[in-house]
Amino acid sequence: MNLTHRLCGLYSGTAKALERGLAFWLPGLLARFVFAATLWLYFLNSALTKVGPGLAGFFMVRDSAYYQIALPAVEAASGDISQVPFFWHLVVYLGTYAEFLLPLMVVLGVLTRLAALGMAIFIAVQTVVDITVHQVGPETIGALFDRFPDAVILDQRLLWLFPLAYLVIHGPGLISVDGLAGRILCRR
């Protein structure tokens, strides 16, 4: 056997050993870590702008949430939140509390596939609202396959979606609430 074959065999064997040893716990943990390190506080702070201060305030959605989420409905009601149709109240309340709950579920690995899918949908809706309602400009939207990797909408949000897509497809890994629950339930 020549040197090339030995090196290929060594590389292949090492890669397979790493995959066997790490594949069950590390990638899901890393995807959740990346989400936590880069986006959890972003979504938490955004959600906090939509509720009142303190523990009691957590259960009161501010008018500002309507301006952030349902601006066309608020404008159609001449700025009177009480005149906004029920559907938009539902959207604002669900969107506000989803912004608290879904990121936490992703980070902890609780119903991870469902939470990650919910976050991906949340980001898609957020993007549509930013573009259509808040009417951000082309420099903020950016373009894919250009030489500028810093557009707030397309470049950043595509990177936001990658760990979520990984979690939807592969799950959170063994080091998660889902992984722990699976091990406990499988023993019974």
N, C-alpha and C. Protein backbone atom coordinates (compact mmCIF):
# COMPACT_ATOMS: atom_id res chain seq x y z
N MET A 1 0.85 -1.17 0.00
CA MET A 1 0.00 0.00 0.00
C MET A 1 0.90 1.24 0.00
N ASN A 2 0.59 2.18 -0.87
CA ASN A 2 1.46 3.37 -0.95
C ASN A 2 1.03 4.43 0.06
N LEU A 3 1.79 5.47 0.18
CA LEU A 3 1.58 6.53 1.15
C LEU A 3 0.22 7.22 0.96
N THR A 4 -0.20 7.43 -0.28
CA THR A 4 -1.49 8.08 -0.55
C THR A 4 -2.63 7.26 0.03
N HIS A 5 -2.59 5.96 -0.19
CA HIS A 5 -3.66 5.10 0.34
C HIS A 5 -3.64 5.09 1.87
N ARG A 6 -2.46 5.07 2.46
CA ARG A 6 -2.37 5.09 3.93
C ARG A 6 -2.93 6.40 4.50
N LEU A 7 -2.57 7.53 3.88
CA LEU A 7 -3.08 8.81 4.34
C LEU A 7 -4.60 8.90 4.17
N CYS A 8 -5.11 8.41 3.05
CA CYS A 8 -6.56 8.40 2.83
C CYS A 8 -7.25 7.53 3.87
N GLY A 9 -6.68 6.38 4.15
CA GLY A 9 -7.24 5.48 5.16
C GLY A 9 -7.21 6.11 6.54
N LEU A 10 -6.11 6.77 6.89
CA LEU A 10 -5.99 7.44 8.18
C LEU A 10 -7.02 8.56 8.30
N TYR A 11 -7.12 9.36 7.24
CA TYR A 11 -8.10 10.45 7.24
C TYR A 11 -9.52 9.91 7.38
N SER A 12 -9.85 8.93 6.58
CA SER A 12 -11.20 8.35 6.59
C SER A 12 -11.51 7.71 7.94
N GLY A 13 -10.57 6.97 8.49
CA GLY A 13 -10.77 6.33 9.79
C GLY A 13 -10.95 7.35 10.90
N THR A 14 -10.14 8.41 10.88
CA THR A 14 -10.26 9.46 11.90
C THR A 14 -11.60 10.18 11.78
N ALA A 15 -12.01 10.48 10.55
CA ALA A 15 -13.29 11.17 10.34
C ALA A 15 -14.45 10.30 10.82
N LYS A 16 -14.42 9.02 10.54
CA LYS A 16 -15.50 8.12 10.97
C LYS A 16 -15.52 7.99 12.50
N ALA A 17 -14.36 7.94 13.12
CA ALA A 17 -14.31 7.86 14.59
C ALA A 17 -14.88 9.13 15.21
N LEU A 18 -14.53 10.29 14.65
CA LEU A 18 -15.07 11.55 15.15
C LEU A 18 -16.59 11.59 14.98
N GLU A 19 -17.07 11.16 13.83
CA GLU A 19 -18.51 11.15 13.58
C GLU A 19 -19.22 10.24 14.58
N ARG A 20 -18.67 9.06 14.82
CA ARG A 20 -19.29 8.12 15.77
C ARG A 20 -19.28 8.70 17.18
N GLY A 21 -18.21 9.34 17.57
CA GLY A 21 -18.08 9.83 18.93
C GLY A 21 -18.80 11.13 19.21
N LEU A 22 -18.92 12.00 18.21
CA LEU A 22 -19.46 13.33 18.44
C LEU A 22 -20.84 13.58 17.83
N ALA A 23 -21.21 12.80 16.85
CA ALA A 23 -22.42 13.09 16.08
C ALA A 23 -23.69 13.09 16.91
N PHE A 24 -23.72 12.36 18.00
CA PHE A 24 -24.95 12.24 18.77
C PHE A 24 -25.19 13.39 19.73
N TRP A 25 -24.14 14.14 20.06
CA TRP A 25 -24.35 15.19 21.05
C TRP A 25 -23.79 16.55 20.66
N LEU A 26 -22.70 16.61 19.94
CA LEU A 26 -22.04 17.90 19.72
C LEU A 26 -22.74 18.82 18.71
N PRO A 27 -23.14 18.36 17.52
CA PRO A 27 -23.72 19.32 16.55
C PRO A 27 -24.99 20.02 17.05
N GLY A 28 -25.89 19.27 17.67
CA GLY A 28 -27.11 19.89 18.20
C GLY A 28 -26.81 20.87 19.31
N LEU A 29 -25.87 20.49 20.18
CA LEU A 29 -25.44 21.37 21.27
C LEU A 29 -24.82 22.64 20.69
N LEU A 30 -23.98 22.50 19.68
CA LEU A 30 -23.36 23.68 19.07
C LEU A 30 -24.39 24.58 18.39
N ALA A 31 -25.36 23.98 17.70
CA ALA A 31 -26.41 24.79 17.05
C ALA A 31 -27.19 25.59 18.08
N ARG A 32 -27.51 24.97 19.21
CA ARG A 32 -28.23 25.68 20.27
C ARG A 32 -27.34 26.72 20.94
N PHE A 33 -26.04 26.42 21.09
CA PHE A 33 -25.10 27.38 21.66
C PHE A 33 -24.97 28.60 20.75
N VAL A 34 -24.83 28.38 19.45
CA VAL A 34 -24.72 29.50 18.50
C VAL A 34 -25.97 30.36 18.57
N PHE A 35 -27.14 29.73 18.61
CA PHE A 35 -28.39 30.48 18.72
C PHE A 35 -28.41 31.28 20.02
N ALA A 36 -28.04 30.64 21.13
CA ALA A 36 -28.05 31.31 22.44
C ALA A 36 -27.06 32.48 22.45
N ALA A 37 -25.87 32.25 21.93
CA ALA A 37 -24.81 33.27 22.00
C ALA A 37 -25.09 34.47 21.10
N THR A 38 -25.80 34.25 20.01
CA THR A 38 -25.98 35.34 19.05
C THR A 38 -27.39 35.92 19.02
N LEU A 39 -28.42 35.14 19.35
CA LEU A 39 -29.78 35.60 19.13
C LEU A 39 -30.69 35.63 20.36
N TRP A 40 -30.39 34.83 21.38
CA TRP A 40 -31.30 34.74 22.52
C TRP A 40 -31.55 36.10 23.16
N LEU A 41 -30.49 36.84 23.47
CA LEU A 41 -30.67 38.16 24.09
C LEU A 41 -31.31 39.17 23.14
N TYR A 42 -31.05 39.03 21.85
CA TYR A 42 -31.69 39.89 20.86
C TYR A 42 -33.21 39.72 20.94
N PHE A 43 -33.68 38.47 20.91
CA PHE A 43 -35.12 38.23 20.96
C PHE A 43 -35.70 38.56 22.33
N LEU A 44 -34.96 38.27 23.40
CA LEU A 44 -35.44 38.60 24.74
C LEU A 44 -35.62 40.12 24.89
N ASN A 45 -34.64 40.89 24.50
CA ASN A 45 -34.74 42.35 24.59
C ASN A 45 -35.85 42.89 23.69
N SER A 46 -36.02 42.31 22.52
CA SER A 46 -37.10 42.73 21.63
C SER A 46 -38.45 42.44 22.28
N ALA A 47 -38.59 41.26 22.88
CA ALA A 47 -39.85 40.90 23.54
C ALA A 47 -40.12 41.82 24.73
N LEU A 48 -39.07 42.17 25.46
CA LEU A 48 -39.25 43.05 26.63
C LEU A 48 -39.76 44.43 26.25
N THR A 49 -39.51 44.88 25.02
CA THR A 49 -40.04 46.18 24.58
C THR A 49 -41.54 46.12 24.35
N LYS A 50 -42.10 44.92 24.32
CA LYS A 50 -43.52 44.75 24.01
C LYS A 50 -44.39 44.55 25.25
N VAL A 51 -43.78 44.37 26.41
CA VAL A 51 -44.55 44.17 27.65
C VAL A 51 -44.21 45.25 28.66
N GLY A 52 -45.04 45.35 29.69
CA GLY A 52 -44.82 46.35 30.73
C GLY A 52 -43.68 45.95 31.65
N PRO A 53 -43.25 46.88 32.51
CA PRO A 53 -42.14 46.59 33.42
C PRO A 53 -42.58 45.69 34.58
N GLY A 54 -41.64 44.95 35.12
CA GLY A 54 -41.89 44.13 36.29
C GLY A 54 -42.64 42.85 35.97
N LEU A 55 -42.85 42.06 37.02
CA LEU A 55 -43.52 40.77 36.86
C LEU A 55 -44.96 40.95 36.40
N ALA A 56 -45.68 41.88 36.99
CA ALA A 56 -47.06 42.12 36.57
C ALA A 56 -47.11 42.67 35.15
N GLY A 57 -46.12 43.47 34.80
CA GLY A 57 -46.06 44.04 33.45
C GLY A 57 -45.87 43.00 32.37
N PHE A 58 -45.29 41.87 32.75
CA PHE A 58 -45.08 40.79 31.78
C PHE A 58 -46.41 40.35 31.16
N PHE A 59 -47.49 40.49 31.89
CA PHE A 59 -48.78 40.03 31.41
C PHE A 59 -49.59 41.15 30.75
N MET A 60 -48.95 42.30 30.53
CA MET A 60 -49.61 43.41 29.85
C MET A 60 -48.82 43.77 28.59
N VAL A 61 -49.43 43.58 27.46
CA VAL A 61 -48.77 43.93 26.20
C VAL A 61 -48.95 45.43 25.97
N ARG A 62 -47.84 46.10 25.72
CA ARG A 62 -47.84 47.55 25.51
C ARG A 62 -48.41 47.89 24.12
N ASP A 63 -48.85 49.13 24.01
CA ASP A 63 -49.30 49.61 22.70
C ASP A 63 -48.17 49.57 21.68
N SER A 64 -46.94 49.77 22.15
CA SER A 64 -45.80 49.77 21.23
C SER A 64 -45.67 48.44 20.48
N ALA A 65 -46.14 47.35 21.09
CA ALA A 65 -46.10 46.05 20.41
C ALA A 65 -46.97 46.09 19.16
N TYR A 66 -48.09 46.78 19.23
CA TYR A 66 -48.97 46.88 18.06
C TYR A 66 -48.30 47.68 16.94
N TYR A 67 -47.55 48.72 17.32
CA TYR A 67 -46.86 49.51 16.32
C TYR A 67 -45.71 48.72 15.68
N GLN A 68 -45.10 47.82 16.44
CA GLN A 68 -44.02 47.01 15.90
C GLN A 68 -44.54 45.87 15.02
N ILE A 69 -45.65 45.27 15.42
CA ILE A 69 -46.12 44.05 14.76
C ILE A 69 -47.25 44.32 13.76
N ALA A 70 -48.18 45.21 14.12
CA ALA A 70 -49.40 45.38 13.33
C ALA A 70 -49.65 46.83 12.95
N LEU A 71 -48.61 47.51 12.50
CA LEU A 71 -48.72 48.93 12.19
C LEU A 71 -49.85 49.26 11.20
N PRO A 72 -50.03 48.51 10.12
CA PRO A 72 -51.15 48.84 9.20
C PRO A 72 -52.52 48.78 9.90
N ALA A 73 -52.71 47.82 10.79
CA ALA A 73 -53.99 47.70 11.50
C ALA A 73 -54.17 48.87 12.46
N VAL A 74 -53.09 49.31 13.10
CA VAL A 74 -53.17 50.47 14.01
C VAL A 74 -53.48 51.73 13.21
N GLU A 75 -52.83 51.89 12.08
CA GLU A 75 -53.09 53.06 11.24
C GLU A 75 -54.52 53.06 10.72
N ALA A 76 -55.03 51.87 10.35
CA ALA A 76 -56.42 51.77 9.88
C ALA A 76 -57.40 52.11 10.98
N ALA A 77 -57.01 51.90 12.24
CA ALA A 77 -57.86 52.24 13.39
C ALA A 77 -57.57 53.64 13.90
N SER A 78 -56.90 54.45 13.10
CA SER A 78 -56.54 55.84 13.44
C SER A 78 -55.76 55.92 14.75
N GLY A 79 -54.91 54.92 14.99
CA GLY A 79 -54.05 54.92 16.17
C GLY A 79 -54.72 54.45 17.45
N ASP A 80 -56.00 54.08 17.38
CA ASP A 80 -56.74 53.62 18.55
C ASP A 80 -56.62 52.08 18.65
N ILE A 81 -55.76 51.63 19.56
CA ILE A 81 -55.50 50.20 19.70
C ILE A 81 -56.79 49.43 20.00
N SER A 82 -57.71 50.02 20.75
CA SER A 82 -58.94 49.32 21.09
C SER A 82 -59.82 49.06 19.87
N GLN A 83 -59.57 49.77 18.78
CA GLN A 83 -60.36 49.58 17.57
C GLN A 83 -59.71 48.62 16.57
N VAL A 84 -58.54 48.10 16.92
CA VAL A 84 -57.86 47.13 16.05
C VAL A 84 -58.67 45.84 16.06
N PRO A 85 -58.89 45.21 14.91
CA PRO A 85 -59.66 43.96 14.87
C PRO A 85 -59.05 42.87 15.76
N PHE A 86 -59.90 41.98 16.26
CA PHE A 86 -59.50 40.91 17.18
C PHE A 86 -58.34 40.09 16.63
N PHE A 87 -58.36 39.79 15.34
CA PHE A 87 -57.29 39.00 14.73
C PHE A 87 -55.93 39.60 15.03
N TRP A 88 -55.80 40.92 14.95
CA TRP A 88 -54.52 41.57 15.18
C TRP A 88 -54.13 41.57 16.65
N HIS A 89 -55.12 41.61 17.54
CA HIS A 89 -54.82 41.45 18.96
C HIS A 89 -54.21 40.06 19.19
N LEU A 90 -54.81 39.07 18.58
CA LEU A 90 -54.31 37.70 18.70
C LEU A 90 -52.89 37.59 18.16
N VAL A 91 -52.64 38.16 17.00
CA VAL A 91 -51.30 38.13 16.39
C VAL A 91 -50.28 38.80 17.30
N VAL A 92 -50.63 39.96 17.85
CA VAL A 92 -49.70 40.69 18.70
C VAL A 92 -49.40 39.91 19.98
N TYR A 93 -50.42 39.37 20.62
CA TYR A 93 -50.21 38.61 21.85
C TYR A 93 -49.41 37.34 21.58
N LEU A 94 -49.79 36.59 20.56
CA LEU A 94 -49.05 35.36 20.23
C LEU A 94 -47.62 35.68 19.83
N GLY A 95 -47.43 36.70 19.02
CA GLY A 95 -46.08 37.08 18.59
C GLY A 95 -45.21 37.52 19.75
N THR A 96 -45.79 38.29 20.67
CA THR A 96 -45.04 38.78 21.83
C THR A 96 -44.58 37.63 22.70
N TYR A 97 -45.49 36.75 23.06
CA TYR A 97 -45.12 35.66 23.97
C TYR A 97 -44.33 34.56 23.28
N ALA A 98 -44.52 34.40 21.97
CA ALA A 98 -43.68 33.46 21.21
C ALA A 98 -42.23 33.94 21.21
N GLU A 99 -42.04 35.26 21.20
CA GLU A 99 -40.68 35.82 21.21
C GLU A 99 -39.98 35.56 22.54
N PHE A 100 -40.72 35.37 23.60
CA PHE A 100 -40.14 34.96 24.89
C PHE A 100 -39.91 33.45 24.92
N LEU A 101 -40.93 32.69 24.56
CA LEU A 101 -40.95 31.25 24.79
C LEU A 101 -40.11 30.45 23.80
N LEU A 102 -40.26 30.70 22.52
CA LEU A 102 -39.57 29.88 21.51
C LEU A 102 -38.04 29.91 21.64
N PRO A 103 -37.42 31.09 21.80
CA PRO A 103 -35.96 31.08 21.96
C PRO A 103 -35.50 30.30 23.20
N LEU A 104 -36.23 30.42 24.30
CA LEU A 104 -35.89 29.68 25.50
C LEU A 104 -36.00 28.17 25.26
N MET A 105 -37.04 27.76 24.56
CA MET A 105 -37.20 26.34 24.24
C MET A 105 -36.05 25.83 23.36
N VAL A 106 -35.63 26.64 22.40
CA VAL A 106 -34.51 26.25 21.54
C VAL A 106 -33.24 26.10 22.37
N VAL A 107 -32.95 27.07 23.21
CA VAL A 107 -31.72 27.06 24.01
C VAL A 107 -31.68 25.86 24.94
N LEU A 108 -32.79 25.58 25.61
CA LEU A 108 -32.82 24.45 26.55
C LEU A 108 -32.98 23.10 25.86
N GLY A 109 -33.45 23.12 24.62
CA GLY A 109 -33.68 21.87 23.92
C GLY A 109 -34.99 21.22 24.33
N VAL A 110 -36.05 22.01 24.46
CA VAL A 110 -37.38 21.53 24.82
C VAL A 110 -38.28 21.56 23.58
N LEU A 111 -38.80 20.40 23.19
CA LEU A 111 -39.58 20.31 21.95
C LEU A 111 -38.83 21.05 20.84
N THR A 112 -37.58 20.74 20.72
CA THR A 112 -36.63 21.54 19.94
C THR A 112 -37.01 21.67 18.48
N ARG A 113 -37.38 20.56 17.86
CA ARG A 113 -37.72 20.64 16.43
C ARG A 113 -38.88 21.59 16.21
N LEU A 114 -39.91 21.49 17.03
CA LEU A 114 -41.07 22.36 16.91
C LEU A 114 -40.70 23.81 17.23
N ALA A 115 -39.92 24.02 18.29
CA ALA A 115 -39.51 25.38 18.67
C ALA A 115 -38.63 26.01 17.59
N ALA A 116 -37.71 25.24 17.03
CA ALA A 116 -36.84 25.77 15.97
C ALA A 116 -37.64 26.10 14.72
N LEU A 117 -38.61 25.26 14.39
CA LEU A 117 -39.48 25.56 13.25
C LEU A 117 -40.29 26.82 13.53
N GLY A 118 -40.81 26.95 14.75
CA GLY A 118 -41.53 28.16 15.13
C GLY A 118 -40.66 29.40 15.03
N MET A 119 -39.41 29.30 15.47
CA MET A 119 -38.48 30.44 15.37
C MET A 119 -38.19 30.78 13.91
N ALA A 120 -38.04 29.77 13.07
CA ALA A 120 -37.79 30.02 11.64
C ALA A 120 -38.97 30.76 11.02
N ILE A 121 -40.18 30.34 11.37
CA ILE A 121 -41.38 31.02 10.88
C ILE A 121 -41.43 32.44 11.44
N PHE A 122 -41.10 32.59 12.73
CA PHE A 122 -41.08 33.90 13.37
C PHE A 122 -40.13 34.83 12.62
N ILE A 123 -38.94 34.35 12.30
CA ILE A 123 -37.95 35.16 11.58
C ILE A 123 -38.44 35.51 10.18
N ALA A 124 -39.11 34.57 9.52
CA ALA A 124 -39.66 34.85 8.19
C ALA A 124 -40.72 35.95 8.27
N VAL A 125 -41.61 35.85 9.25
CA VAL A 125 -42.65 36.88 9.42
C VAL A 125 -42.00 38.22 9.79
N GLN A 126 -41.02 38.19 10.68
CA GLN A 126 -40.30 39.40 11.06
C GLN A 126 -39.69 40.07 9.83
N THR A 127 -39.13 39.26 8.97
CA THR A 127 -38.50 39.78 7.75
C THR A 127 -39.52 40.41 6.83
N VAL A 128 -40.65 39.74 6.63
CA VAL A 128 -41.72 40.30 5.78
C VAL A 128 -42.23 41.62 6.36
N VAL A 129 -42.42 41.67 7.68
CA VAL A 129 -42.88 42.90 8.33
C VAL A 129 -41.84 44.02 8.16
N ASP A 130 -40.58 43.69 8.35
CA ASP A 130 -39.53 44.71 8.19
C ASP A 130 -39.52 45.27 6.77
N ILE A 131 -39.68 44.41 5.78
CA ILE A 131 -39.60 44.85 4.39
C ILE A 131 -40.87 45.57 3.95
N THR A 132 -42.03 45.01 4.28
CA THR A 132 -43.28 45.57 3.77
C THR A 132 -43.88 46.65 4.65
N VAL A 133 -43.83 46.48 5.96
CA VAL A 133 -44.47 47.45 6.86
C VAL A 133 -43.51 48.57 7.23
N HIS A 134 -42.32 48.20 7.69
CA HIS A 134 -41.35 49.20 8.11
C HIS A 134 -40.55 49.75 6.93
N GLN A 135 -40.73 49.15 5.78
CA GLN A 135 -40.17 49.59 4.51
C GLN A 135 -38.68 49.94 4.58
N VAL A 136 -37.91 48.96 5.05
CA VAL A 136 -36.46 49.16 5.06
C VAL A 136 -35.96 49.24 3.63
N GLY A 137 -34.85 49.92 3.44
CA GLY A 137 -34.33 50.14 2.10
C GLY A 137 -33.49 48.98 1.59
N PRO A 138 -33.12 49.05 0.31
CA PRO A 138 -32.34 47.98 -0.32
C PRO A 138 -30.99 47.74 0.35
N GLU A 139 -30.40 48.79 0.93
CA GLU A 139 -29.11 48.61 1.60
C GLU A 139 -29.27 47.77 2.86
N THR A 140 -30.42 47.83 3.49
CA THR A 140 -30.70 47.01 4.67
C THR A 140 -31.09 45.60 4.26
N ILE A 141 -31.84 45.48 3.19
CA ILE A 141 -32.25 44.16 2.71
C ILE A 141 -31.04 43.41 2.18
N GLY A 142 -30.21 44.06 1.40
CA GLY A 142 -29.02 43.43 0.85
C GLY A 142 -29.34 42.52 -0.32
N ALA A 143 -28.35 41.72 -0.69
CA ALA A 143 -28.51 40.78 -1.79
C ALA A 143 -27.63 39.57 -1.52
N LEU A 144 -28.11 38.44 -1.93
CA LEU A 144 -27.30 37.23 -1.80
C LEU A 144 -26.29 37.18 -2.94
N PHE A 145 -25.22 36.50 -2.71
CA PHE A 145 -24.16 36.29 -3.71
C PHE A 145 -23.54 37.61 -4.20
N ASP A 146 -23.51 38.60 -3.31
CA ASP A 146 -22.77 39.81 -3.62
C ASP A 146 -21.49 39.78 -2.77
N ARG A 147 -20.70 40.79 -2.83
CA ARG A 147 -19.45 40.77 -2.09
C ARG A 147 -19.55 41.40 -0.71
N PHE A 148 -20.77 41.75 -0.29
CA PHE A 148 -20.99 42.39 1.00
C PHE A 148 -21.76 41.45 1.93
N PRO A 149 -21.11 40.90 2.94
CA PRO A 149 -21.77 39.91 3.81
C PRO A 149 -22.47 40.50 5.03
N ASP A 150 -22.78 41.79 5.00
CA ASP A 150 -23.27 42.42 6.22
C ASP A 150 -24.67 43.01 6.12
N ALA A 151 -25.46 42.60 5.13
CA ALA A 151 -26.82 43.11 5.04
C ALA A 151 -27.65 42.58 6.22
N VAL A 152 -28.42 43.45 6.83
CA VAL A 152 -29.18 43.10 8.03
C VAL A 152 -30.24 42.04 7.72
N ILE A 153 -30.86 42.11 6.58
CA ILE A 153 -31.97 41.19 6.31
C ILE A 153 -31.46 39.89 5.68
N LEU A 154 -31.05 39.91 4.45
CA LEU A 154 -30.74 38.65 3.77
C LEU A 154 -29.53 37.93 4.35
N ASP A 155 -28.42 38.62 4.53
CA ASP A 155 -27.21 37.95 5.01
C ASP A 155 -27.36 37.48 6.46
N GLN A 156 -27.73 38.38 7.35
CA GLN A 156 -27.81 38.01 8.75
C GLN A 156 -28.90 36.98 9.00
N ARG A 157 -30.05 37.18 8.45
CA ARG A 157 -31.16 36.26 8.76
C ARG A 157 -30.98 34.90 8.12
N LEU A 158 -30.27 34.83 7.03
CA LEU A 158 -29.92 33.53 6.47
C LEU A 158 -29.02 32.77 7.45
N LEU A 159 -28.07 33.48 8.04
CA LEU A 159 -27.22 32.85 9.05
C LEU A 159 -28.00 32.50 10.31
N TRP A 160 -29.00 33.30 10.66
CA TRP A 160 -29.85 32.98 11.82
C TRP A 160 -30.59 31.67 11.58
N LEU A 161 -31.03 31.48 10.33
CA LEU A 161 -31.87 30.31 10.02
C LEU A 161 -31.09 29.01 9.97
N PHE A 162 -29.78 29.06 9.73
CA PHE A 162 -29.04 27.82 9.58
C PHE A 162 -29.05 26.94 10.83
N PRO A 163 -28.72 27.46 12.03
CA PRO A 163 -28.78 26.57 13.20
C PRO A 163 -30.20 26.07 13.47
N LEU A 164 -31.19 26.89 13.15
CA LEU A 164 -32.58 26.46 13.34
C LEU A 164 -32.93 25.34 12.38
N ALA A 165 -32.51 25.46 11.12
CA ALA A 165 -32.76 24.40 10.15
C ALA A 165 -32.07 23.11 10.58
N TYR A 166 -30.85 23.22 11.09
CA TYR A 166 -30.15 22.04 11.59
C TYR A 166 -30.96 21.37 12.70
N LEU A 167 -31.46 22.17 13.64
CA LEU A 167 -32.21 21.62 14.77
C LEU A 167 -33.53 20.99 14.33
N VAL A 168 -34.19 21.59 13.35
CA VAL A 168 -35.44 20.99 12.84
C VAL A 168 -35.14 19.63 12.23
N ILE A 169 -34.08 19.52 11.48
CA ILE A 169 -33.77 18.28 10.76
C ILE A 169 -33.13 17.23 11.67
N HIS A 170 -32.16 17.63 12.48
CA HIS A 170 -31.37 16.66 13.25
C HIS A 170 -31.70 16.61 14.74
N GLY A 171 -32.40 17.59 15.25
CA GLY A 171 -32.73 17.62 16.67
C GLY A 171 -31.63 18.23 17.51
N PRO A 172 -31.86 18.30 18.83
CA PRO A 172 -30.96 19.04 19.72
C PRO A 172 -29.76 18.26 20.22
N GLY A 173 -29.72 16.97 19.98
CA GLY A 173 -28.63 16.16 20.51
C GLY A 173 -28.95 15.65 21.90
N LEU A 174 -28.04 14.84 22.43
CA LEU A 174 -28.27 14.19 23.71
C LEU A 174 -28.25 15.15 24.90
N ILE A 175 -27.46 16.22 24.79
CA ILE A 175 -27.36 17.18 25.91
C ILE A 175 -28.43 18.24 25.72
N SER A 176 -29.65 17.87 26.11
CA SER A 176 -30.81 18.75 25.98
C SER A 176 -31.94 18.16 26.83
N VAL A 177 -32.96 18.94 27.06
CA VAL A 177 -34.12 18.41 27.78
C VAL A 177 -34.77 17.30 26.95
N ASP A 178 -34.86 17.49 25.65
CA ASP A 178 -35.40 16.44 24.78
C ASP A 178 -34.59 15.15 24.89
N GLY A 179 -33.25 15.29 24.87
CA GLY A 179 -32.38 14.12 24.97
C GLY A 179 -32.55 13.41 26.30
N LEU A 180 -32.63 14.17 27.37
CA LEU A 180 -32.82 13.61 28.70
C LEU A 180 -34.18 12.92 28.80
N ALA A 181 -35.21 13.60 28.31
CA ALA A 181 -36.56 13.02 28.35
C ALA A 181 -36.61 11.73 27.52
N GLY A 182 -35.96 11.73 26.37
CA GLY A 182 -35.93 10.52 25.55
C GLY A 182 -35.25 9.36 26.26
N ARG A 183 -34.14 9.64 26.94
CA ARG A 183 -33.44 8.57 27.66
C ARG A 183 -34.28 8.04 28.81
N ILE A 184 -34.98 8.93 29.52
CA ILE A 184 -35.81 8.51 30.65
C ILE A 184 -37.00 7.68 30.15
N LEU A 185 -37.65 8.18 29.10
CA LEU A 185 -38.83 7.49 28.57
C LEU A 185 -38.48 6.15 27.93
N CYS A 186 -37.32 6.07 27.30
CA CYS A 186 -36.92 4.82 26.66
C CYS A 186 -36.57 3.74 27.68
N ARG A 187 -36.18 4.13 28.89
CA ARG A 187 -35.88 3.14 29.92
C ARG A 187 -37.14 2.46 30.45
N ARG A 188 -38.27 3.14 30.34
CA ARG A 188 -39.52 2.60 30.89
C ARG A 188 -40.16 1.62 29.96
